[in-house]
Each structure stands twice: as C-alpha cells, then as structure tokens.
C-alpha cells in the first residue's frame, strides 16, 4: 500500500451523525428524523488518488432511534418501535451493509460513491454524494448524503386518514462521520 494511502476506522463519536430523514405528505408536511447509534466501517483513502478509495460500513439495525425534536418522548418511542419492527425488521435482519464499488469525481467538488446497500435480504445499487475534509491529527471528516426508495427494499409505507397522510417513498440519508487513522 502506498505511503499516502491511509485506512480510517469509522465508529460512533459525539460529533458524528448517521441519520435517516423520512417525510410525510398530507395537509401538514412533516419530517421524522431517525439516527443510527451503532455502526462500524473503514475508509481507505489517498488524498492524491481519491478515486481509488474504498468505503465499507455496517449499521446495526436495532440501534435506530427517533430524534424528532418536535415530538414528545412517548411519540419518539412509538416511531422507533414502528421503524425497528416494520421498516427494518431489526430482529430478523440485524445489520445493513454498505459497500463501495467505485468513486467518481463530481464536476465541481466532491465525489459520488457507487456501491451496494444490503438489508432485509435485498441488495440494491447505491449512490451517495461524498466529500472528505482535510486530515487533522489522524482524523478525517466524511460528509455524505443519498436518497433511496423504501419500495426498492420491500418496505410498506404507512398511511392514515384513508391515505390523505402517507409516508413518501424516498428517504434521505445524511452522514457526518469521522474516521480515525489505524496507523
């Protein structure tokens, strides 16, 4: 491995966030924010050859919790239970796997990472916008976002009031992660 290529371990930290934003339509549009509290992975990164990077992340499905600032704690617990039992089926499928296949340069800034997202016994192509900070004291900031469709993974979208209020098929993933150098 070239000297400038570094392997970074990724794990939860106080300044990291791995969130899923779920939107509802209807008379009042609303967002629900869920956060994964347990995950681990690696990023192999060379600032001189960023397109040769690799990224792998394992998320523990059972660590997902609702973080809706506008919801009462009882509502947050209800949303968390629903997401774990119905959407993720966390007991049957305890992990989600994200594995990169290639990195592509974006025209202005950053990269697109393409790969596979596997969960609920379904593997689908995955694309995310990703950017890296400047390595500081053996740490590297990783900022990424992506959109995925719940229906691609066989997730039933809840609705109420005879379908007037329903969950949108597209959800947005936001990640602000910190990698720590293994060397």
C-alpha atoms as a PDB file:
ATOM      1  CA  UNK A   1       0.000   0.000   0.000  1.00  0.00           C
ATOM      2  CA  UNK A   2       1.425   3.437  -0.925  1.00  0.00           C
ATOM      3  CA  UNK A   3       2.600   5.580   1.982  1.00  0.00           C
ATOM      4  CA  UNK A   4      -0.034   8.277   1.385  1.00  0.00           C
ATOM      5  CA  UNK A   5      -2.907   5.760   1.414  1.00  0.00           C
ATOM      6  CA  UNK A   6      -4.488   5.615   4.848  1.00  0.00           C
ATOM      7  CA  UNK A   7      -7.065   3.292   6.380  1.00  0.00           C
ATOM      8  CA  UNK A   8      -9.545   5.061   8.644  1.00  0.00           C
ATOM      9  CA  UNK A   9     -11.797   3.268  11.126  1.00  0.00           C
ATOM     10  CA  UNK A  10     -15.317   4.651  11.347  1.00  0.00           C
ATOM     11  CA  UNK A  11     -17.330   4.356  14.543  1.00  0.00           C
ATOM     12  CA  UNK A  12     -19.803   6.455  16.543  1.00  0.00           C
ATOM     13  CA  UNK A  13     -18.447   9.564  18.232  1.00  0.00           C
ATOM     14  CA  UNK A  14     -20.036  12.602  19.888  1.00  0.00           C
ATOM     15  CA  UNK A  15     -19.525  14.698  16.746  1.00  0.00           C
ATOM     16  CA  UNK A  16     -20.768  12.064  14.254  1.00  0.00           C
ATOM     17  CA  UNK A  17     -24.271  11.620  12.865  1.00  0.00           C
ATOM     18  CA  UNK A  18     -25.759   8.892  10.698  1.00  0.00           C
ATOM     19  CA  UNK A  19     -29.378   9.907  10.114  1.00  0.00           C
ATOM     20  CA  UNK A  20     -32.395   8.958   8.013  1.00  0.00           C
ATOM     21  CA  UNK A  21     -34.973  11.620   7.159  1.00  0.00           C
ATOM     22  CA  UNK A  22     -38.468  10.276   6.408  1.00  0.00           C
ATOM     23  CA  UNK A  23     -41.069  12.690   5.039  1.00  0.00           C
ATOM     24  CA  UNK A  24     -44.852  12.553   5.253  1.00  0.00           C
ATOM     25  CA  UNK A  25     -47.288  14.209   2.875  1.00  0.00           C
ATOM     26  CA  UNK A  26     -50.762  15.470   3.619  1.00  0.00           C
ATOM     27  CA  UNK A  27     -52.332  18.611   4.982  1.00  0.00           C
ATOM     28  CA  UNK A  28     -49.273  19.232   7.153  1.00  0.00           C
ATOM     29  CA  UNK A  29     -45.983  18.086   5.710  1.00  0.00           C
ATOM     30  CA  UNK A  30     -43.774  16.581   8.358  1.00  0.00           C
ATOM     31  CA  UNK A  31     -40.332  15.042   8.675  1.00  0.00           C
ATOM     32  CA  UNK A  32     -39.245  12.280  11.000  1.00  0.00           C
ATOM     33  CA  UNK A  33     -35.576  12.033  11.851  1.00  0.00           C
ATOM     34  CA  UNK A  34     -34.032   8.693  12.835  1.00  0.00           C
ATOM     35  CA  UNK A  35     -30.422   8.155  13.897  1.00  0.00           C
ATOM     36  CA  UNK A  36     -28.290   5.017  13.894  1.00  0.00           C
ATOM     37  CA  UNK A  37     -26.342   4.921  17.153  1.00  0.00           C
ATOM     38  CA  UNK A  38     -24.156   1.874  16.386  1.00  0.00           C
ATOM     39  CA  UNK A  39     -22.143   1.316  13.224  1.00  0.00           C
ATOM     40  CA  UNK A  40     -18.619   0.473  12.169  1.00  0.00           C
ATOM     41  CA  UNK A  41     -16.615   0.565   8.997  1.00  0.00           C
ATOM     42  CA  UNK A  42     -13.485   1.519   7.151  1.00  0.00           C
ATOM     43  CA  UNK A  43     -12.432   4.039   4.565  1.00  0.00           C
ATOM     44  CA  UNK A  44      -9.231   3.553   2.607  1.00  0.00           C
ATOM     45  CA  UNK A  45      -8.305   6.991   1.307  1.00  0.00           C
ATOM     46  CA  UNK A  46      -5.395   8.619  -0.504  1.00  0.00           C
ATOM     47  CA  UNK A  47      -5.800  12.389  -0.982  1.00  0.00           C
ATOM     48  CA  UNK A  48      -3.581  12.178  -4.068  1.00  0.00           C
ATOM     49  CA  UNK A  49      -5.692   9.399  -5.659  1.00  0.00           C
ATOM     50  CA  UNK A  50      -9.175   9.790  -4.127  1.00  0.00           C
ATOM     51  CA  UNK A  51     -10.869   7.795  -6.918  1.00  0.00           C
ATOM     52  CA  UNK A  52      -9.067   4.681  -5.616  1.00  0.00           C
ATOM     53  CA  UNK A  53     -10.859   4.952  -2.266  1.00  0.00           C
ATOM     54  CA  UNK A  54     -12.905   2.135  -0.751  1.00  0.00           C
ATOM     55  CA  UNK A  55     -15.659   2.509   1.811  1.00  0.00           C
ATOM     56  CA  UNK A  56     -17.487  -0.158   3.820  1.00  0.00           C
ATOM     57  CA  UNK A  57     -19.997   0.417   6.584  1.00  0.00           C
ATOM     58  CA  UNK A  58     -22.031  -1.946   8.774  1.00  0.00           C
ATOM     59  CA  UNK A  59     -25.040  -0.453  10.572  1.00  0.00           C
ATOM     60  CA  UNK A  60     -26.752  -2.197  13.469  1.00  0.00           C
ATOM     61  CA  UNK A  61     -30.454  -2.082  12.613  1.00  0.00           C
ATOM     62  CA  UNK A  62     -31.514  -2.301  16.271  1.00  0.00           C
ATOM     63  CA  UNK A  63     -29.632   0.896  17.119  1.00  0.00           C
ATOM     64  CA  UNK A  64     -32.027   3.130  15.151  1.00  0.00           C
ATOM     65  CA  UNK A  65     -33.845   5.698  17.303  1.00  0.00           C
ATOM     66  CA  UNK A  66     -36.217   8.575  16.588  1.00  0.00           C
ATOM     67  CA  UNK A  67     -34.736  12.021  17.219  1.00  0.00           C
ATOM     68  CA  UNK A  68     -37.731  14.191  16.316  1.00  0.00           C
ATOM     69  CA  UNK A  69     -37.145  17.413  18.221  1.00  0.00           C
ATOM     70  CA  UNK A  70     -40.804  18.388  17.807  1.00  0.00           C
ATOM     71  CA  UNK A  71     -42.188  15.069  19.128  1.00  0.00           C
ATOM     72  CA  UNK A  72     -42.829  14.101  22.716  1.00  0.00           C
ATOM     73  CA  UNK A  73     -40.685  11.262  24.109  1.00  0.00           C
ATOM     74  CA  UNK A  74     -43.669   8.874  24.002  1.00  0.00           C
ATOM     75  CA  UNK A  75     -44.161   9.640  20.298  1.00  0.00           C
ATOM     76  CA  UNK A  76     -40.433   9.152  19.654  1.00  0.00           C
ATOM     77  CA  UNK A  77     -40.593   5.713  21.306  1.00  0.00           C
ATOM     78  CA  UNK A  78     -43.615   4.779  19.183  1.00  0.00           C
ATOM     79  CA  UNK A  79     -41.876   5.880  15.966  1.00  0.00           C
ATOM     80  CA  UNK A  80     -38.746   3.945  16.959  1.00  0.00           C
ATOM     81  CA  UNK A  81     -40.731   0.755  17.675  1.00  0.00           C
ATOM     82  CA  UNK A  82     -42.505   1.013  14.319  1.00  0.00           C
ATOM     83  CA  UNK A  83     -39.271   1.642  12.394  1.00  0.00           C
ATOM     84  CA  UNK A  84     -37.488  -1.272  14.099  1.00  0.00           C
ATOM     85  CA  UNK A  85     -40.306  -3.808  13.801  1.00  0.00           C
ATOM     86  CA  UNK A  86     -41.978  -2.879  10.497  1.00  0.00           C
ATOM     87  CA  UNK A  87     -39.490  -0.983   8.341  1.00  0.00           C
ATOM     88  CA  UNK A  88     -36.156  -2.543   9.264  1.00  0.00           C
ATOM     89  CA  UNK A  89     -37.385  -5.807  10.826  1.00  0.00           C
ATOM     90  CA  UNK A  90     -34.357  -5.494  13.045  1.00  0.00           C
ATOM     91  CA  UNK A  91     -34.790  -8.827  14.849  1.00  0.00           C
ATOM     92  CA  UNK A  92     -34.795 -10.787  11.571  1.00  0.00           C
ATOM     93  CA  UNK A  93     -32.228  -8.567   9.808  1.00  0.00           C
ATOM     94  CA  UNK A  94     -29.829  -7.172  12.415  1.00  0.00           C
ATOM     95  CA  UNK A  95     -27.392  -5.418  10.042  1.00  0.00           C
ATOM     96  CA  UNK A  96     -27.364  -3.182   6.988  1.00  0.00           C
ATOM     97  CA  UNK A  97     -24.259  -3.330   4.803  1.00  0.00           C
ATOM     98  CA  UNK A  98     -22.977  -0.585   2.558  1.00  0.00           C
ATOM     99  CA  UNK A  99     -20.044  -1.466   0.298  1.00  0.00           C
ATOM    100  CA  UNK A 100     -18.451   0.810  -2.267  1.00  0.00           C
ATOM    101  CA  UNK A 101     -17.593  -0.384  -5.749  1.00  0.00           C
ATOM    102  CA  UNK A 102     -16.138   2.808  -7.205  1.00  0.00           C
ATOM    103  CA  UNK A 103     -15.684   6.523  -6.662  1.00  0.00           C
ATOM    104  CA  UNK A 104     -16.359   9.087  -9.390  1.00  0.00           C
ATOM    105  CA  UNK A 105     -15.315  12.746  -9.435  1.00  0.00           C
ATOM    106  CA  UNK A 106     -18.112  15.325  -9.436  1.00  0.00           C
ATOM    107  CA  UNK A 107     -17.741  18.313 -11.795  1.00  0.00           C
ATOM    108  CA  UNK A 108     -17.375  20.986  -9.104  1.00  0.00           C
ATOM    109  CA  UNK A 109     -16.455  19.420  -5.797  1.00  0.00           C
ATOM    110  CA  UNK A 110     -16.568  16.090  -4.045  1.00  0.00           C
ATOM    111  CA  UNK A 111     -17.284  12.629  -5.313  1.00  0.00           C
ATOM    112  CA  UNK A 112     -20.035  10.141  -5.996  1.00  0.00           C
ATOM    113  CA  UNK A 113     -19.588   6.754  -4.400  1.00  0.00           C
ATOM    114  CA  UNK A 114     -21.367   3.855  -6.091  1.00  0.00           C
ATOM    115  CA  UNK A 115     -21.871   0.510  -4.468  1.00  0.00           C
ATOM    116  CA  UNK A 116     -24.410  -1.813  -2.888  1.00  0.00           C
ATOM    117  CA  UNK A 117     -26.722  -1.388   0.078  1.00  0.00           C
ATOM    118  CA  UNK A 118     -27.882  -4.693   1.518  1.00  0.00           C
ATOM    119  CA  UNK A 119     -30.605  -5.206   4.082  1.00  0.00           C
ATOM    120  CA  UNK A 120     -33.783  -7.217   4.574  1.00  0.00           C
ATOM    121  CA  UNK A 121     -32.231  -9.865   2.287  1.00  0.00           C
ATOM    122  CA  UNK A 122     -32.219  -7.349  -0.560  1.00  0.00           C
ATOM    123  CA  UNK A 123     -29.169  -5.894  -2.267  1.00  0.00           C
ATOM    124  CA  UNK A 124     -29.597  -2.820  -4.447  1.00  0.00           C
ATOM    125  CA  UNK A 125     -27.262  -0.375  -6.182  1.00  0.00           C
ATOM    126  CA  UNK A 126     -26.492   2.622  -4.017  1.00  0.00           C
ATOM    127  CA  UNK A 127     -25.180   6.093  -4.887  1.00  0.00           C
ATOM    128  CA  UNK A 128     -24.166   8.832  -2.500  1.00  0.00           C
ATOM    129  CA  UNK A 129     -22.548  12.232  -2.735  1.00  0.00           C
ATOM    130  CA  UNK A 130     -19.452  12.168  -0.554  1.00  0.00           C
ATOM    131  CA  UNK A 131     -16.813  14.657   0.459  1.00  0.00           C
ATOM    132  CA  UNK A 132     -13.731  14.492   2.639  1.00  0.00           C
ATOM    133  CA  UNK A 133     -12.234  17.091   4.911  1.00  0.00           C
ATOM    134  CA  UNK A 134      -8.537  17.735   5.346  1.00  0.00           C
ATOM    135  CA  UNK A 135      -6.940  15.057   7.563  1.00  0.00           C
ATOM    136  CA  UNK A 136      -6.239  16.513  11.028  1.00  0.00           C
ATOM    137  CA  UNK A 137      -4.456  14.715  13.844  1.00  0.00           C
ATOM    138  CA  UNK A 138      -5.122  11.252  12.354  1.00  0.00           C
ATOM    139  CA  UNK A 139      -8.815  12.057  11.830  1.00  0.00           C
ATOM    140  CA  UNK A 140     -10.736  12.605   8.597  1.00  0.00           C
ATOM    141  CA  UNK A 141     -14.207  14.105   8.236  1.00  0.00           C
ATOM    142  CA  UNK A 142     -16.534  12.216   5.878  1.00  0.00           C
ATOM    143  CA  UNK A 143     -19.688  14.009   4.759  1.00  0.00           C
ATOM    144  CA  UNK A 144     -22.234  12.110   2.646  1.00  0.00           C
ATOM    145  CA  UNK A 145     -25.867  12.176   1.606  1.00  0.00           C
ATOM    146  CA  UNK A 146     -28.075   9.971  -0.521  1.00  0.00           C
ATOM    147  CA  UNK A 147     -31.681   9.265  -1.393  1.00  0.00           C
ATOM    148  CA  UNK A 148     -33.169   5.796  -1.548  1.00  0.00           C
ATOM    149  CA  UNK A 149     -36.624   4.374  -2.164  1.00  0.00           C
ATOM    150  CA  UNK A 150     -38.309   2.346   0.556  1.00  0.00           C
ATOM    151  CA  UNK A 151     -40.205   0.331  -2.060  1.00  0.00           C
ATOM    152  CA  UNK A 152     -36.902  -0.938  -3.521  1.00  0.00           C
ATOM    153  CA  UNK A 153     -36.415  -2.848  -0.255  1.00  0.00           C
ATOM    154  CA  UNK A 154     -39.987  -4.062   0.127  1.00  0.00           C
ATOM    155  CA  UNK A 155     -40.812  -1.627   2.933  1.00  0.00           C
ATOM    156  CA  UNK A 156     -44.518  -0.920   3.342  1.00  0.00           C
ATOM    157  CA  UNK A 157     -45.122   2.797   3.750  1.00  0.00           C
ATOM    158  CA  UNK A 158     -47.665   3.636   6.449  1.00  0.00           C
ATOM    159  CA  UNK A 159     -50.590   5.956   5.774  1.00  0.00           C
ATOM    160  CA  UNK A 160     -53.537   7.276   7.753  1.00  0.00           C
ATOM    161  CA  UNK A 161     -56.808   9.154   7.267  1.00  0.00           C
ATOM    162  CA  UNK A 162     -57.737   6.975   4.276  1.00  0.00           C
ATOM    163  CA  UNK A 163     -54.445   7.708   2.551  1.00  0.00           C
ATOM    164  CA  UNK A 164     -54.552  11.504   2.944  1.00  0.00           C
ATOM    165  CA  UNK A 165     -51.441  11.337   5.120  1.00  0.00           C
ATOM    166  CA  UNK A 166     -48.771   8.963   3.892  1.00  0.00           C
ATOM    167  CA  UNK A 167     -45.063   8.349   4.084  1.00  0.00           C
ATOM    168  CA  UNK A 168     -43.115   9.325   0.971  1.00  0.00           C
ATOM    169  CA  UNK A 169     -41.242   6.562  -0.840  1.00  0.00           C
ATOM    170  CA  UNK A 170     -37.957   8.494  -0.958  1.00  0.00           C
ATOM    171  CA  UNK A 171     -35.928   8.855   2.243  1.00  0.00           C
ATOM    172  CA  UNK A 172     -32.762  10.893   2.644  1.00  0.00           C
ATOM    173  CA  UNK A 173     -29.659   9.556   4.350  1.00  0.00           C
ATOM    174  CA  UNK A 174     -27.288  12.080   5.930  1.00  0.00           C
ATOM    175  CA  UNK A 175     -23.879  11.142   7.281  1.00  0.00           C
ATOM    176  CA  UNK A 176     -21.301  13.246   9.062  1.00  0.00           C
ATOM    177  CA  UNK A 177     -18.714  10.716  10.133  1.00  0.00           C
ATOM    178  CA  UNK A 178     -15.178  10.831  11.459  1.00  0.00           C
ATOM    179  CA  UNK A 179     -12.572   8.281  10.514  1.00  0.00           C
ATOM    180  CA  UNK A 180      -9.607   7.619  12.785  1.00  0.00           C
ATOM    181  CA  UNK A 181      -6.336   6.536  11.169  1.00  0.00           C
ATOM    182  CA  UNK A 182      -5.269   2.993  12.002  1.00  0.00           C
ATOM    183  CA  UNK A 183      -1.553   3.835  11.676  1.00  0.00           C
END
